[in-house]
Amino acid sequence: VPTDQAERDRIAGDLATTLFVEAGAGTG
């Protein structure tokens, strides 16, 4: 496991959350 795996997971999670929020706001 790369030492930066946790950081990658955090960034991926933030990106997914941002996309989800933007998609929700766009449809609403």
PDB file of N, CA and C in Angstrom:
ATOM      1  N   VAL A   1       0.854  -1.204   0.000  1.00  0.00           N
ATOM      2  CA  VAL A   1       0.000   0.000   0.000  1.00  0.00           C
ATOM      3  C   VAL A   1       0.882   1.244   0.000  1.00  0.00           C
ATOM      4  N   PRO A   2       0.701   2.111  -0.962  1.00  0.00           N
ATOM      5  CA  PRO A   2       1.495   3.348  -1.008  1.00  0.00           C
ATOM      6  C   PRO A   2       1.292   4.175   0.248  1.00  0.00           C
ATOM      7  N   THR A   3       2.313   4.912   0.632  1.00  0.00           N
ATOM      8  CA  THR A   3       2.218   5.713   1.851  1.00  0.00           C
ATOM      9  C   THR A   3       1.214   6.846   1.686  1.00  0.00           C
ATOM     10  N   ASP A   4       0.911   7.199   0.459  1.00  0.00           N
ATOM     11  CA  ASP A   4      -0.035   8.302   0.224  1.00  0.00           C
ATOM     12  C   ASP A   4      -1.431   7.796  -0.110  1.00  0.00           C
ATOM     13  N   GLN A   5      -1.680   6.520   0.153  1.00  0.00           N
ATOM     14  CA  GLN A   5      -2.990   5.944  -0.172  1.00  0.00           C
ATOM     15  C   GLN A   5      -4.103   6.652   0.596  1.00  0.00           C
ATOM     16  N   ALA A   6      -3.858   6.950   1.871  1.00  0.00           N
ATOM     17  CA  ALA A   6      -4.874   7.622   2.676  1.00  0.00           C
ATOM     18  C   ALA A   6      -5.189   8.999   2.087  1.00  0.00           C
ATOM     19  N   GLU A   7      -4.140   9.699   1.655  1.00  0.00           N
ATOM     20  CA  GLU A   7      -4.333  11.026   1.062  1.00  0.00           C
ATOM     21  C   GLU A   7      -5.116  10.911  -0.241  1.00  0.00           C
ATOM     22  N   ARG A   8      -4.783   9.890  -1.031  1.00  0.00           N
ATOM     23  CA  ARG A   8      -5.506   9.684  -2.291  1.00  0.00           C
ATOM     24  C   ARG A   8      -6.973   9.392  -2.020  1.00  0.00           C
ATOM     25  N   ASP A   9      -7.226   8.565  -1.004  1.00  0.00           N
ATOM     26  CA  ASP A   9      -8.614   8.233  -0.664  1.00  0.00           C
ATOM     27  C   ASP A   9      -9.360   9.483  -0.219  1.00  0.00           C
ATOM     28  N   ARG A  10      -8.692  10.342   0.557  1.00  0.00           N
ATOM     29  CA  ARG A  10      -9.343  11.558   1.041  1.00  0.00           C
ATOM     30  C   ARG A  10      -9.679  12.474  -0.137  1.00  0.00           C
ATOM     31  N   ILE A  11      -8.730  12.635  -1.041  1.00  0.00           N
ATOM     32  CA  ILE A  11      -8.949  13.492  -2.206  1.00  0.00           C
ATOM     33  C   ILE A  11     -10.073  12.930  -3.072  1.00  0.00           C
ATOM     34  N   ALA A  12     -10.055  11.618  -3.281  1.00  0.00           N
ATOM     35  CA  ALA A  12     -11.094  10.979  -4.091  1.00  0.00           C
ATOM     36  C   ALA A  12     -12.453  11.178  -3.431  1.00  0.00           C
ATOM     37  N   GLY A  13     -12.496  11.069  -2.110  1.00  0.00           N
ATOM     38  CA  GLY A  13     -13.748  11.247  -1.383  1.00  0.00           C
ATOM     39  C   GLY A  13     -14.247  12.680  -1.497  1.00  0.00           C
ATOM     40  N   ASP A  14     -13.310  13.633  -1.380  1.00  0.00           N
ATOM     41  CA  ASP A  14     -13.697  15.035  -1.492  1.00  0.00           C
ATOM     42  C   ASP A  14     -14.233  15.322  -2.890  1.00  0.00           C
ATOM     43  N   LEU A  15     -13.579  14.749  -3.905  1.00  0.00           N
ATOM     44  CA  LEU A  15     -14.004  14.978  -5.278  1.00  0.00           C
ATOM     45  C   LEU A  15     -15.388  14.396  -5.509  1.00  0.00           C
ATOM     46  N   ALA A  16     -15.613  13.189  -5.022  1.00  0.00           N
ATOM     47  CA  ALA A  16     -16.911  12.540  -5.180  1.00  0.00           C
ATOM     48  C   ALA A  16     -17.990  13.355  -4.479  1.00  0.00           C
ATOM     49  N   THR A  17     -17.665  13.862  -3.286  1.00  0.00           N
ATOM     50  CA  THR A  17     -18.634  14.654  -2.531  1.00  0.00           C
ATOM     51  C   THR A  17     -18.955  15.942  -3.290  1.00  0.00           C
ATOM     52  N   THR A  18     -17.934  16.585  -3.830  1.00  0.00           N
ATOM     53  CA  THR A  18     -18.137  17.826  -4.575  1.00  0.00           C
ATOM     54  C   THR A  18     -19.015  17.584  -5.792  1.00  0.00           C
ATOM     55  N   LEU A  19     -18.726  16.514  -6.527  1.00  0.00           N
ATOM     56  CA  LEU A  19     -19.522  16.200  -7.714  1.00  0.00           C
ATOM     57  C   LEU A  19     -20.960  15.910  -7.323  1.00  0.00           C
ATOM     58  N   PHE A  20     -21.140  15.189  -6.215  1.00  0.00           N
ATOM     59  CA  PHE A  20     -22.485  14.840  -5.764  1.00  0.00           C
ATOM     60  C   PHE A  20     -23.257  16.098  -5.384  1.00  0.00           C
ATOM     61  N   VAL A  21     -22.619  16.994  -4.649  1.00  0.00           N
ATOM     62  CA  VAL A  21     -23.273  18.224  -4.211  1.00  0.00           C
ATOM     63  C   VAL A  21     -23.624  19.093  -5.421  1.00  0.00           C
ATOM     64  N   GLU A  22     -22.674  19.218  -6.356  1.00  0.00           N
ATOM     65  CA  GLU A  22     -22.923  20.041  -7.536  1.00  0.00           C
ATOM     66  C   GLU A  22     -24.040  19.445  -8.387  1.00  0.00           C
ATOM     67  N   ALA A  23     -24.059  18.119  -8.497  1.00  0.00           N
ATOM     68  CA  ALA A  23     -25.099  17.457  -9.275  1.00  0.00           C
ATOM     69  C   ALA A  23     -26.456  17.674  -8.611  1.00  0.00           C
ATOM     70  N   GLY A  24     -26.493  17.571  -7.284  1.00  0.00           N
ATOM     71  CA  GLY A  24     -27.739  17.761  -6.550  1.00  0.00           C
ATOM     72  C   GLY A  24     -28.227  19.197  -6.685  1.00  0.00           C
ATOM     73  N   ALA A  25     -27.301  20.150  -6.611  1.00  0.00           N
ATOM     74  CA  ALA A  25     -27.681  21.547  -6.717  1.00  0.00           C
ATOM     75  C   ALA A  25     -28.137  21.859  -8.144  1.00  0.00           C
ATOM     76  N   GLY A  26     -27.497  21.220  -9.121  1.00  0.00           N
ATOM     77  CA  GLY A  26     -27.839  21.470 -10.521  1.00  0.00           C
ATOM     78  C   GLY A  26     -29.223  20.946 -10.865  1.00  0.00           C
ATOM     79  N   THR A  27     -29.604  19.823 -10.252  1.00  0.00           N
ATOM     80  CA  THR A  27     -30.903  19.239 -10.564  1.00  0.00           C
ATOM     81  C   THR A  27     -32.005  19.899  -9.749  1.00  0.00           C
ATOM     82  N   GLY A  28     -31.625  20.605  -8.678  1.00  0.00           N
ATOM     83  CA  GLY A  28     -32.618  21.216  -7.814  1.00  0.00           C
ATOM     84  C   GLY A  28     -32.748  22.634  -8.164  1.00  0.00           C
TER      85      GLY A  28
END
